[in-house]
Amino acid sequence: MELARAEPGALHRLLRLALEQVRGDLEGLSREHVERLAELALSGATGTVVELPGDVRVRRQYDAVTIEPDEPRAEYLPERAQLPVPGEAALPLRGVVVRAEPAVTPDGFAADDPLTAYVNAGAAARGLVLRSHEPGERFIPLGMTGSRKLQDYFVDEKVPRRLRDRIPVVTDADGVVLWVVGQRLAEPARAEAGAGAVRLSASFEPRNEEDT
């Protein structure tokens, strides 16, 4: 089918079918995502790339539209380290260090510094782990009740592709994500003002990374 001649409804159905074949499902895909893809198919410039939830990239190449899995950067192999309290842990490949120390959650604390977070003491009671995020990893963003795929969160928050595989997570002893480092605290980590907590602070080694 020539996309430019397709009726809008037929085009949307065709694109959704193609996405389902690549992804295996349509979870997290909204009407807005399909409309962006339709716009790319009809009038996008050659070389334009649209990233969609579900680790999918859609690229316009002349008269063709290619839908393909978004492959992770090969140089960022999985890493994992115990994070003692007090103490610190590092992931050398990602150039990140996270420090942990007992604290009390400040009254009216706002995450003005994205590299600082407070985790409730109960969540940290059996130990913390700093590690690379896993394929298909999910977390519950602070203030929400349902979980989201981490890669979908990165897409919606417009986190550059070159940085996503570098961003680690802090989890509890059971693997529940408490903090997407430098990005978002998770609901299970919620710390009430004045309550005992663990203060986490992260630092990233500066790097000159090119987008791919």
N, C-alpha and C. Protein backbone atom coordinates (compact mmCIF):
# COMPACT_ATOMS: atom_id res chain seq x y z
N MET A 1 0.84 -1.20 0.00
CA MET A 1 0.00 0.00 0.00
C MET A 1 0.87 1.25 0.00
N GLU A 2 0.53 2.22 -0.86
CA GLU A 2 1.26 3.48 -0.87
C GLU A 2 0.72 4.33 0.27
N LEU A 3 1.57 4.64 1.25
CA LEU A 3 1.12 5.29 2.47
C LEU A 3 0.47 6.64 2.20
N ALA A 4 1.03 7.40 1.25
CA ALA A 4 0.52 8.74 0.99
C ALA A 4 -0.92 8.74 0.49
N ARG A 5 -1.37 7.61 -0.08
CA ARG A 5 -2.72 7.54 -0.63
C ARG A 5 -3.71 6.86 0.32
N ALA A 6 -3.23 6.37 1.43
CA ALA A 6 -4.09 5.64 2.36
C ALA A 6 -5.00 6.60 3.12
N GLU A 7 -6.23 6.16 3.37
CA GLU A 7 -7.13 6.92 4.23
C GLU A 7 -6.54 6.93 5.64
N PRO A 8 -6.76 8.03 6.40
CA PRO A 8 -6.17 8.13 7.74
C PRO A 8 -6.46 6.91 8.62
N GLY A 9 -7.72 6.44 8.61
CA GLY A 9 -8.05 5.28 9.45
C GLY A 9 -7.29 4.04 9.03
N ALA A 10 -7.21 3.81 7.72
CA ALA A 10 -6.49 2.64 7.21
C ALA A 10 -5.00 2.74 7.50
N LEU A 11 -4.46 3.96 7.39
CA LEU A 11 -3.04 4.17 7.67
C LEU A 11 -2.74 3.87 9.13
N HIS A 12 -3.59 4.35 10.02
CA HIS A 12 -3.38 4.10 11.45
C HIS A 12 -3.43 2.61 11.76
N ARG A 13 -4.38 1.91 11.16
CA ARG A 13 -4.48 0.46 11.40
C ARG A 13 -3.25 -0.26 10.88
N LEU A 14 -2.78 0.15 9.72
CA LEU A 14 -1.59 -0.47 9.14
C LEU A 14 -0.37 -0.25 10.02
N LEU A 15 -0.22 0.97 10.53
CA LEU A 15 0.93 1.28 11.37
C LEU A 15 0.86 0.53 12.69
N ARG A 16 -0.32 0.44 13.28
CA ARG A 16 -0.47 -0.30 14.53
C ARG A 16 -0.15 -1.79 14.33
N LEU A 17 -0.58 -2.33 13.20
CA LEU A 17 -0.28 -3.74 12.90
C LEU A 17 1.22 -3.96 12.76
N ALA A 18 1.89 -3.03 12.07
CA ALA A 18 3.34 -3.16 11.89
C ALA A 18 4.06 -3.05 13.23
N LEU A 19 3.62 -2.13 14.08
CA LEU A 19 4.23 -1.98 15.39
C LEU A 19 4.03 -3.23 16.24
N GLU A 20 2.84 -3.80 16.17
CA GLU A 20 2.56 -5.01 16.96
C GLU A 20 3.44 -6.17 16.50
N GLN A 21 3.71 -6.25 15.21
CA GLN A 21 4.56 -7.33 14.70
C GLN A 21 5.99 -7.18 15.20
N VAL A 22 6.48 -5.94 15.32
CA VAL A 22 7.85 -5.71 15.78
C VAL A 22 7.95 -5.86 17.29
N ARG A 23 7.00 -5.28 18.02
CA ARG A 23 7.05 -5.25 19.48
C ARG A 23 6.51 -6.51 20.13
N GLY A 24 5.50 -7.12 19.50
CA GLY A 24 4.82 -8.25 20.10
C GLY A 24 3.55 -7.86 20.82
N ASP A 25 3.39 -6.55 21.10
CA ASP A 25 2.16 -6.05 21.72
C ASP A 25 2.07 -4.55 21.45
N LEU A 26 1.01 -3.93 21.94
CA LEU A 26 0.82 -2.49 21.76
C LEU A 26 0.75 -1.77 23.10
N GLU A 27 1.28 -2.39 24.14
CA GLU A 27 1.24 -1.81 25.48
C GLU A 27 1.94 -0.45 25.50
N GLY A 28 1.28 0.54 26.09
CA GLY A 28 1.87 1.86 26.23
C GLY A 28 1.79 2.71 24.98
N LEU A 29 1.19 2.19 23.93
CA LEU A 29 1.11 2.93 22.67
C LEU A 29 -0.20 3.71 22.64
N SER A 30 -0.12 5.02 22.53
CA SER A 30 -1.31 5.87 22.53
C SER A 30 -1.66 6.33 21.12
N ARG A 31 -2.82 6.95 21.00
CA ARG A 31 -3.24 7.52 19.72
C ARG A 31 -2.23 8.58 19.26
N GLU A 32 -1.72 9.34 20.23
CA GLU A 32 -0.74 10.38 19.89
C GLU A 32 0.51 9.76 19.26
N HIS A 33 0.96 8.62 19.78
CA HIS A 33 2.12 7.96 19.20
C HIS A 33 1.86 7.56 17.76
N VAL A 34 0.68 7.00 17.50
CA VAL A 34 0.34 6.57 16.14
C VAL A 34 0.25 7.77 15.21
N GLU A 35 -0.30 8.88 15.70
CA GLU A 35 -0.42 10.08 14.88
C GLU A 35 0.96 10.64 14.53
N ARG A 36 1.89 10.58 15.48
CA ARG A 36 3.26 11.03 15.20
C ARG A 36 3.88 10.17 14.11
N LEU A 37 3.63 8.88 14.20
CA LEU A 37 4.17 7.95 13.21
C LEU A 37 3.54 8.18 11.84
N ALA A 38 2.23 8.45 11.82
CA ALA A 38 1.55 8.72 10.55
C ALA A 38 2.10 10.00 9.92
N GLU A 39 2.35 11.00 10.73
CA GLU A 39 2.93 12.25 10.22
C GLU A 39 4.31 12.00 9.62
N LEU A 40 5.09 11.16 10.29
CA LEU A 40 6.40 10.81 9.76
C LEU A 40 6.27 10.10 8.42
N ALA A 41 5.31 9.18 8.32
CA ALA A 41 5.14 8.41 7.09
C ALA A 41 4.70 9.29 5.93
N LEU A 42 3.89 10.31 6.22
CA LEU A 42 3.33 11.14 5.15
C LEU A 42 4.20 12.31 4.76
N SER A 43 4.89 12.90 5.74
CA SER A 43 5.62 14.14 5.41
C SER A 43 6.97 14.27 6.09
N GLY A 44 7.45 13.22 6.74
CA GLY A 44 8.72 13.31 7.44
C GLY A 44 9.91 13.42 6.50
N ALA A 45 10.94 14.12 6.96
CA ALA A 45 12.16 14.27 6.16
C ALA A 45 13.00 13.00 6.26
N THR A 46 13.73 12.70 5.20
CA THR A 46 14.62 11.54 5.20
C THR A 46 15.61 11.62 6.36
N GLY A 47 15.77 10.52 7.07
CA GLY A 47 16.68 10.48 8.20
C GLY A 47 16.02 10.77 9.53
N THR A 48 14.76 11.24 9.51
CA THR A 48 14.05 11.53 10.75
C THR A 48 13.76 10.24 11.51
N VAL A 49 13.97 10.28 12.83
CA VAL A 49 13.74 9.11 13.68
C VAL A 49 12.72 9.47 14.76
N VAL A 50 11.76 8.60 14.96
CA VAL A 50 10.79 8.74 16.05
C VAL A 50 10.97 7.55 16.98
N GLU A 51 11.10 7.82 18.27
CA GLU A 51 11.23 6.76 19.26
C GLU A 51 9.89 6.54 19.94
N LEU A 52 9.50 5.30 20.08
CA LEU A 52 8.21 4.94 20.65
C LEU A 52 8.38 4.02 21.84
N PRO A 53 7.39 4.00 22.75
CA PRO A 53 7.45 3.05 23.86
C PRO A 53 7.60 1.62 23.35
N GLY A 54 8.24 0.80 24.17
CA GLY A 54 8.45 -0.59 23.78
C GLY A 54 9.76 -0.81 23.08
N ASP A 55 10.72 0.15 23.25
CA ASP A 55 12.06 0.00 22.67
C ASP A 55 12.01 -0.12 21.16
N VAL A 56 11.28 0.78 20.51
CA VAL A 56 11.13 0.75 19.06
C VAL A 56 11.53 2.10 18.47
N ARG A 57 12.26 2.03 17.37
CA ARG A 57 12.63 3.23 16.61
C ARG A 57 11.99 3.14 15.23
N VAL A 58 11.45 4.27 14.77
CA VAL A 58 10.86 4.34 13.43
C VAL A 58 11.64 5.39 12.65
N ARG A 59 12.15 4.98 11.50
CA ARG A 59 13.02 5.86 10.71
C ARG A 59 12.44 6.08 9.31
N ARG A 60 12.45 7.34 8.87
CA ARG A 60 12.04 7.66 7.50
C ARG A 60 13.28 7.68 6.61
N GLN A 61 13.27 6.85 5.57
CA GLN A 61 14.36 6.78 4.62
C GLN A 61 13.79 6.93 3.21
N TYR A 62 13.90 8.13 2.68
CA TYR A 62 13.36 8.43 1.35
C TYR A 62 11.87 8.08 1.33
N ASP A 63 11.45 7.12 0.51
CA ASP A 63 10.02 6.80 0.42
C ASP A 63 9.60 5.65 1.33
N ALA A 64 10.51 5.20 2.18
CA ALA A 64 10.22 4.05 3.04
C ALA A 64 10.22 4.45 4.51
N VAL A 65 9.45 3.72 5.30
CA VAL A 65 9.44 3.87 6.75
C VAL A 65 9.86 2.54 7.36
N THR A 66 10.91 2.57 8.19
CA THR A 66 11.44 1.36 8.80
C THR A 66 11.12 1.35 10.29
N ILE A 67 10.56 0.25 10.77
CA ILE A 67 10.26 0.06 12.19
C ILE A 67 11.17 -1.04 12.70
N GLU A 68 11.96 -0.73 13.73
CA GLU A 68 12.96 -1.69 14.20
C GLU A 68 13.15 -1.59 15.70
N PRO A 69 13.61 -2.67 16.34
CA PRO A 69 13.91 -2.62 17.77
C PRO A 69 15.03 -1.63 18.05
N ASP A 70 14.94 -0.96 19.19
CA ASP A 70 15.97 -0.02 19.61
C ASP A 70 17.01 -0.79 20.41
N GLU A 71 18.11 -1.14 19.79
CA GLU A 71 19.13 -1.98 20.44
C GLU A 71 19.94 -1.17 21.45
N PRO A 72 20.28 -1.76 22.60
CA PRO A 72 21.10 -1.07 23.59
C PRO A 72 22.53 -0.88 23.11
N ARG A 73 23.21 0.09 23.71
CA ARG A 73 24.61 0.33 23.38
C ARG A 73 25.46 -0.82 23.91
N ALA A 74 26.27 -1.41 23.05
CA ALA A 74 27.00 -2.63 23.39
C ALA A 74 28.03 -2.42 24.49
N GLU A 75 28.59 -1.18 24.60
CA GLU A 75 29.67 -0.99 25.56
C GLU A 75 29.19 -0.97 27.00
N TYR A 76 27.89 -0.81 27.22
CA TYR A 76 27.39 -0.77 28.58
C TYR A 76 26.90 -2.16 29.00
N LEU A 77 27.83 -2.98 29.45
CA LEU A 77 27.50 -4.31 29.92
C LEU A 77 26.84 -4.22 31.29
N PRO A 78 26.11 -5.25 31.72
CA PRO A 78 25.47 -5.21 33.03
C PRO A 78 26.48 -5.03 34.16
N GLU A 79 26.11 -4.24 35.15
CA GLU A 79 26.95 -4.01 36.33
C GLU A 79 26.06 -4.06 37.57
N ARG A 80 26.69 -4.42 38.70
CA ARG A 80 25.93 -4.54 39.94
C ARG A 80 26.89 -4.38 41.11
N ALA A 81 26.46 -3.66 42.15
CA ALA A 81 27.29 -3.49 43.34
C ALA A 81 26.39 -3.29 44.56
N GLN A 82 26.78 -3.88 45.68
CA GLN A 82 26.07 -3.63 46.93
C GLN A 82 26.33 -2.19 47.37
N LEU A 83 25.28 -1.54 47.88
CA LEU A 83 25.40 -0.16 48.33
C LEU A 83 25.22 -0.13 49.85
N PRO A 84 26.32 -0.04 50.60
CA PRO A 84 26.22 -0.04 52.06
C PRO A 84 25.70 1.29 52.59
N VAL A 85 25.12 1.25 53.79
CA VAL A 85 24.64 2.46 54.46
C VAL A 85 25.24 2.51 55.85
N PRO A 86 26.17 3.42 56.15
CA PRO A 86 26.71 4.41 55.21
C PRO A 86 27.78 3.79 54.31
N GLY A 87 28.00 4.45 53.20
CA GLY A 87 29.02 3.98 52.28
C GLY A 87 28.71 4.40 50.86
N GLU A 88 29.41 3.78 49.91
CA GLU A 88 29.19 4.14 48.52
C GLU A 88 29.41 2.92 47.63
N ALA A 89 28.91 3.02 46.41
CA ALA A 89 29.10 1.97 45.41
C ALA A 89 29.33 2.65 44.07
N ALA A 90 30.07 1.95 43.20
CA ALA A 90 30.40 2.52 41.89
C ALA A 90 30.11 1.51 40.79
N LEU A 91 29.73 2.02 39.63
CA LEU A 91 29.61 1.23 38.41
C LEU A 91 30.60 1.83 37.42
N PRO A 92 31.80 1.26 37.31
CA PRO A 92 32.88 1.87 36.52
C PRO A 92 32.54 2.08 35.05
N LEU A 93 31.86 1.13 34.41
CA LEU A 93 31.55 1.29 32.99
C LEU A 93 30.67 2.49 32.74
N ARG A 94 29.82 2.81 33.69
CA ARG A 94 28.90 3.92 33.54
C ARG A 94 29.43 5.20 34.16
N GLY A 95 30.55 5.10 34.85
CA GLY A 95 31.14 6.30 35.44
C GLY A 95 30.27 6.94 36.49
N VAL A 96 29.57 6.13 37.29
CA VAL A 96 28.66 6.66 38.30
C VAL A 96 29.03 6.14 39.68
N VAL A 97 28.92 7.02 40.66
CA VAL A 97 29.12 6.67 42.07
C VAL A 97 27.90 7.15 42.83
N VAL A 98 27.36 6.29 43.70
CA VAL A 98 26.23 6.67 44.56
C VAL A 98 26.65 6.49 46.01
N ARG A 99 26.43 7.52 46.80
CA ARG A 99 26.75 7.49 48.23
C ARG A 99 25.45 7.41 49.03
N ALA A 100 25.50 6.68 50.14
CA ALA A 100 24.32 6.51 50.98
C ALA A 100 24.68 6.81 52.43
N GLU A 101 23.79 7.50 53.13
CA GLU A 101 24.03 7.82 54.54
C GLU A 101 22.69 7.96 55.26
N PRO A 102 22.64 7.56 56.54
CA PRO A 102 21.41 7.75 57.31
C PRO A 102 21.07 9.23 57.39
N ALA A 103 19.79 9.54 57.37
CA ALA A 103 19.36 10.94 57.39
C ALA A 103 17.92 11.01 57.87
N VAL A 104 17.45 12.23 57.97
CA VAL A 104 16.03 12.51 58.23
C VAL A 104 15.53 13.31 57.04
N THR A 105 14.40 12.90 56.49
CA THR A 105 13.87 13.61 55.33
C THR A 105 13.53 15.04 55.70
N PRO A 106 14.10 16.03 55.02
CA PRO A 106 13.82 17.43 55.35
C PRO A 106 12.36 17.79 55.11
N ASP A 107 11.85 18.69 55.92
CA ASP A 107 10.49 19.17 55.73
C ASP A 107 10.42 19.99 54.45
N GLY A 108 9.46 19.66 53.60
CA GLY A 108 9.31 20.42 52.36
C GLY A 108 10.39 20.16 51.35
N PHE A 109 11.08 19.01 51.46
CA PHE A 109 12.15 18.71 50.51
C PHE A 109 11.60 18.60 49.10
N ALA A 110 12.25 19.28 48.18
CA ALA A 110 11.90 19.19 46.75
C ALA A 110 13.13 18.75 46.00
N ALA A 111 12.93 17.96 44.98
CA ALA A 111 14.06 17.40 44.24
C ALA A 111 14.64 18.42 43.27
N ASP A 112 15.11 19.56 43.83
CA ASP A 112 15.75 20.56 42.98
C ASP A 112 17.05 20.01 42.41
N ASP A 113 17.71 19.15 43.18
CA ASP A 113 18.92 18.49 42.72
C ASP A 113 18.55 17.06 42.32
N PRO A 114 18.49 16.77 41.02
CA PRO A 114 18.06 15.43 40.60
C PRO A 114 19.02 14.33 41.02
N LEU A 115 20.22 14.71 41.47
CA LEU A 115 21.20 13.70 41.87
C LEU A 115 21.14 13.39 43.36
N THR A 116 20.11 13.90 44.04
CA THR A 116 19.91 13.62 45.46
C THR A 116 18.50 13.08 45.67
N ALA A 117 18.39 12.05 46.50
CA ALA A 117 17.08 11.46 46.79
C ALA A 117 17.06 10.94 48.22
N TYR A 118 15.87 10.91 48.81
CA TYR A 118 15.68 10.33 50.14
C TYR A 118 14.78 9.11 50.02
N VAL A 119 15.27 7.99 50.56
CA VAL A 119 14.55 6.72 50.52
C VAL A 119 14.14 6.36 51.94
N ASN A 120 12.90 5.94 52.14
CA ASN A 120 12.47 5.63 53.50
C ASN A 120 13.31 4.49 54.08
N ALA A 121 13.53 4.57 55.39
CA ALA A 121 14.44 3.63 56.06
C ALA A 121 13.96 2.19 55.94
N GLY A 122 12.65 1.98 55.92
CA GLY A 122 12.13 0.62 55.81
C GLY A 122 12.52 -0.05 54.51
N ALA A 123 12.47 0.71 53.42
CA ALA A 123 12.81 0.15 52.11
C ALA A 123 14.28 -0.24 52.04
N ALA A 124 15.10 0.45 52.83
CA ALA A 124 16.54 0.19 52.80
C ALA A 124 17.00 -0.77 53.89
N ALA A 125 16.07 -1.24 54.71
CA ALA A 125 16.44 -1.99 55.91
C ALA A 125 17.23 -3.25 55.62
N ARG A 126 16.92 -3.96 54.54
CA ARG A 126 17.61 -5.22 54.25
C ARG A 126 18.70 -5.07 53.20
N GLY A 127 19.09 -3.84 52.93
CA GLY A 127 20.19 -3.60 52.02
C GLY A 127 19.76 -2.95 50.72
N LEU A 128 20.71 -2.26 50.10
CA LEU A 128 20.47 -1.58 48.83
C LEU A 128 21.44 -2.10 47.78
N VAL A 129 21.02 -2.04 46.54
CA VAL A 129 21.85 -2.47 45.42
C VAL A 129 21.85 -1.38 44.36
N LEU A 130 23.03 -1.07 43.85
CA LEU A 130 23.18 -0.17 42.70
C LEU A 130 23.49 -1.05 41.51
N ARG A 131 22.70 -0.93 40.45
CA ARG A 131 22.94 -1.80 39.29
C ARG A 131 22.43 -1.14 38.01
N SER A 132 22.85 -1.71 36.90
CA SER A 132 22.30 -1.30 35.61
C SER A 132 20.86 -1.78 35.52
N HIS A 133 20.03 -1.03 34.79
CA HIS A 133 18.65 -1.48 34.64
C HIS A 133 18.59 -2.63 33.64
N GLU A 134 17.57 -3.44 33.78
CA GLU A 134 17.45 -4.67 32.98
C GLU A 134 16.44 -4.49 31.85
N PRO A 135 16.57 -5.27 30.78
CA PRO A 135 15.59 -5.20 29.70
C PRO A 135 14.17 -5.44 30.22
N GLY A 136 13.26 -4.58 29.83
CA GLY A 136 11.87 -4.72 30.27
C GLY A 136 11.62 -4.30 31.70
N GLU A 137 12.61 -3.71 32.36
CA GLU A 137 12.47 -3.30 33.77
C GLU A 137 11.29 -2.35 33.94
N ARG A 138 10.57 -2.53 35.04
CA ARG A 138 9.44 -1.68 35.37
C ARG A 138 9.67 -1.03 36.72
N PHE A 139 9.04 0.12 36.93
CA PHE A 139 9.06 0.75 38.25
C PHE A 139 7.78 1.56 38.43
N ILE A 140 7.49 1.91 39.68
CA ILE A 140 6.30 2.71 39.98
C ILE A 140 6.78 4.12 40.29
N PRO A 141 6.62 5.08 39.39
CA PRO A 141 7.08 6.44 39.64
C PRO A 141 6.39 7.03 40.88
N LEU A 142 7.10 7.85 41.62
CA LEU A 142 6.56 8.48 42.82
C LEU A 142 5.26 9.21 42.48
N GLY A 143 4.23 8.95 43.28
CA GLY A 143 2.95 9.60 43.05
C GLY A 143 2.00 8.81 42.18
N MET A 144 2.46 7.68 41.64
CA MET A 144 1.62 6.85 40.79
C MET A 144 1.31 5.53 41.48
N THR A 145 0.29 4.83 40.99
CA THR A 145 -0.07 3.54 41.57
C THR A 145 0.31 2.38 40.66
N GLY A 146 0.38 2.62 39.36
CA GLY A 146 0.72 1.56 38.43
C GLY A 146 2.17 1.64 37.99
N SER A 147 2.69 0.51 37.53
CA SER A 147 4.09 0.48 37.09
C SER A 147 4.21 0.88 35.63
N ARG A 148 5.41 1.30 35.26
CA ARG A 148 5.71 1.67 33.88
C ARG A 148 7.01 1.00 33.47
N LYS A 149 7.12 0.69 32.18
CA LYS A 149 8.40 0.23 31.67
C LYS A 149 9.38 1.39 31.71
N LEU A 150 10.59 1.11 32.17
CA LEU A 150 11.58 2.16 32.30
C LEU A 150 11.92 2.78 30.94
N GLN A 151 12.02 1.96 29.90
CA GLN A 151 12.34 2.49 28.58
C GLN A 151 11.23 3.41 28.08
N ASP A 152 9.98 3.09 28.38
CA ASP A 152 8.88 3.96 27.99
C ASP A 152 8.97 5.29 28.73
N TYR A 153 9.36 5.23 29.99
CA TYR A 153 9.56 6.46 30.77
C TYR A 153 10.64 7.32 30.13
N PHE A 154 11.76 6.70 29.73
CA PHE A 154 12.83 7.45 29.09
C PHE A 154 12.34 8.13 27.81
N VAL A 155 11.55 7.41 27.02
CA VAL A 155 11.04 7.99 25.77
C VAL A 155 10.15 9.19 26.07
N ASP A 156 9.20 9.02 27.00
CA ASP A 156 8.26 10.10 27.29
C ASP A 156 8.94 11.30 27.93
N GLU A 157 10.01 11.06 28.69
CA GLU A 157 10.74 12.16 29.33
C GLU A 157 11.83 12.72 28.42
N LYS A 158 11.92 12.18 27.20
CA LYS A 158 12.88 12.66 26.20
C LYS A 158 14.33 12.56 26.69
N VAL A 159 14.63 11.50 27.42
CA VAL A 159 16.02 11.24 27.81
C VAL A 159 16.77 10.78 26.57
N PRO A 160 17.87 11.44 26.20
CA PRO A 160 18.59 11.08 24.97
C PRO A 160 19.00 9.61 24.95
N ARG A 161 18.91 9.00 23.79
CA ARG A 161 19.27 7.58 23.64
C ARG A 161 20.67 7.29 24.15
N ARG A 162 21.60 8.20 23.88
CA ARG A 162 23.00 7.95 24.23
C ARG A 162 23.20 7.85 25.73
N LEU A 163 22.23 8.33 26.51
CA LEU A 163 22.37 8.34 27.97
C LEU A 163 21.61 7.22 28.66
N ARG A 164 20.63 6.64 28.01
CA ARG A 164 19.71 5.74 28.71
C ARG A 164 20.39 4.52 29.33
N ASP A 165 21.27 3.88 28.57
CA ASP A 165 21.91 2.67 29.10
C ASP A 165 22.94 2.99 30.18
N ARG A 166 23.27 4.27 30.30
CA ARG A 166 24.22 4.67 31.33
C ARG A 166 23.53 4.92 32.68
N ILE A 167 22.23 5.13 32.66
CA ILE A 167 21.50 5.47 33.88
C ILE A 167 21.20 4.20 34.68
N PRO A 168 21.71 4.11 35.92
CA PRO A 168 21.46 2.93 36.75
C PRO A 168 20.23 3.11 37.63
N VAL A 169 19.94 2.08 38.40
CA VAL A 169 18.86 2.13 39.38
C VAL A 169 19.40 1.68 40.73
N VAL A 170 18.76 2.17 41.78
CA VAL A 170 18.99 1.67 43.14
C VAL A 170 17.77 0.85 43.51
N THR A 171 17.99 -0.38 43.97
CA THR A 171 16.88 -1.26 44.34
C THR A 171 17.01 -1.71 45.79
N ASP A 172 15.91 -2.28 46.29
CA ASP A 172 15.99 -2.91 47.61
C ASP A 172 16.52 -4.33 47.45
N ALA A 173 16.54 -5.08 48.55
CA ALA A 173 17.13 -6.42 48.51
C ALA A 173 16.34 -7.38 47.63
N ASP A 174 15.07 -7.06 47.36
CA ASP A 174 14.24 -7.93 46.52
C ASP A 174 14.24 -7.51 45.06
N GLY A 175 15.01 -6.48 44.73
CA GLY A 175 15.08 -6.04 43.34
C GLY A 175 14.06 -5.00 42.96
N VAL A 176 13.28 -4.50 43.91
CA VAL A 176 12.29 -3.45 43.62
C VAL A 176 13.01 -2.12 43.41
N VAL A 177 12.73 -1.47 42.29
CA VAL A 177 13.40 -0.21 41.98
C VAL A 177 12.92 0.88 42.94
N LEU A 178 13.89 1.54 43.59
CA LEU A 178 13.59 2.64 44.50
C LEU A 178 13.93 3.99 43.89
N TRP A 179 14.95 4.02 43.05
CA TRP A 179 15.39 5.29 42.46
C TRP A 179 15.98 5.03 41.09
N VAL A 180 15.45 5.71 40.09
CA VAL A 180 16.10 5.76 38.78
C VAL A 180 17.08 6.92 38.89
N VAL A 181 18.34 6.61 39.02
CA VAL A 181 19.34 7.59 39.46
C VAL A 181 19.36 8.82 38.56
N GLY A 182 19.17 9.97 39.21
CA GLY A 182 19.19 11.24 38.49
C GLY A 182 17.92 11.55 37.74
N GLN A 183 16.90 10.66 37.84
CA GLN A 183 15.69 10.84 37.06
C GLN A 183 14.42 10.91 37.90
N ARG A 184 14.11 9.84 38.61
CA ARG A 184 12.82 9.78 39.30
C ARG A 184 12.87 8.81 40.47
N LEU A 185 12.33 9.26 41.61
CA LEU A 185 12.17 8.39 42.76
C LEU A 185 10.96 7.49 42.52
N ALA A 186 10.98 6.31 43.10
CA ALA A 186 9.87 5.37 42.95
C ALA A 186 8.95 5.44 44.17
N GLU A 187 7.70 5.10 43.97
CA GLU A 187 6.71 5.18 45.05
C GLU A 187 7.09 4.33 46.27
N PRO A 188 7.64 3.11 46.11
CA PRO A 188 8.02 2.33 47.29
C PRO A 188 9.10 2.99 48.14
N ALA A 189 9.78 4.00 47.61
CA ALA A 189 10.84 4.68 48.35
C ALA A 189 10.34 5.90 49.10
N ARG A 190 9.06 6.24 48.94
CA ARG A 190 8.52 7.48 49.51
C ARG A 190 8.93 7.64 50.97
N ALA A 191 9.50 8.81 51.30
CA ALA A 191 9.94 9.10 52.66
C ALA A 191 9.18 10.32 53.17
N GLU A 192 8.49 10.17 54.30
CA GLU A 192 7.72 11.27 54.86
C GLU A 192 8.64 12.26 55.56
N ALA A 193 8.27 13.53 55.53
CA ALA A 193 9.07 14.58 56.16
C ALA A 193 9.26 14.28 57.64
N GLY A 194 10.49 14.42 58.11
CA GLY A 194 10.81 14.21 59.51
C GLY A 194 11.05 12.76 59.89
N ALA A 195 10.85 11.85 58.96
CA ALA A 195 11.03 10.42 59.26
C ALA A 195 12.44 9.97 58.92
N GLY A 196 12.85 8.87 59.54
CA GLY A 196 14.16 8.32 59.24
C GLY A 196 14.25 7.88 57.79
N ALA A 197 15.38 8.15 57.18
CA ALA A 197 15.54 7.86 55.76
C ALA A 197 17.00 7.58 55.45
N VAL A 198 17.25 7.25 54.20
CA VAL A 198 18.61 7.13 53.68
C VAL A 198 18.76 8.17 52.58
N ARG A 199 19.76 9.01 52.74
CA ARG A 199 20.02 10.03 51.73
C ARG A 199 20.96 9.45 50.68
N LEU A 200 20.53 9.51 49.42
CA LEU A 200 21.34 9.02 48.31
C LEU A 200 21.82 10.21 47.49
N SER A 201 23.08 10.21 47.15
CA SER A 201 23.62 11.27 46.29
C SER A 201 24.49 10.62 45.23
N ALA A 202 24.31 11.04 44.00
CA ALA A 202 25.00 10.43 42.86
C ALA A 202 25.90 11.43 42.17
N SER A 203 26.94 10.91 41.55
CA SER A 203 27.80 11.74 40.70
C SER A 203 28.15 10.92 39.46
N PHE A 204 28.14 11.60 38.31
CA PHE A 204 28.47 10.97 37.04
C PHE A 204 29.76 11.56 36.51
N GLU A 205 30.64 10.70 36.06
CA GLU A 205 31.88 11.15 35.41
C GLU A 205 31.53 11.80 34.07
N PRO A 206 32.00 13.03 33.84
CA PRO A 206 31.69 13.69 32.56
C PRO A 206 32.24 12.88 31.39
N ARG A 207 31.43 12.79 30.34
CA ARG A 207 31.86 12.08 29.14
C ARG A 207 31.37 12.84 27.92
N ASN A 208 32.14 12.74 26.87
CA ASN A 208 31.76 13.35 25.59
C ASN A 208 31.22 12.25 24.70
N GLU A 209 29.91 12.03 24.79
CA GLU A 209 29.29 10.94 24.05
C GLU A 209 28.54 11.48 22.84
N GLU A 210 28.70 10.84 21.73
CA GLU A 210 27.98 11.23 20.53
C GLU A 210 26.67 10.46 20.45
N ASP A 211 25.64 11.13 20.00
CA ASP A 211 24.35 10.47 19.83
C ASP A 211 24.45 9.48 18.67
N THR A 212 23.69 8.39 18.80
CA THR A 212 23.66 7.40 17.73
C THR A 212 22.22 7.07 17.41
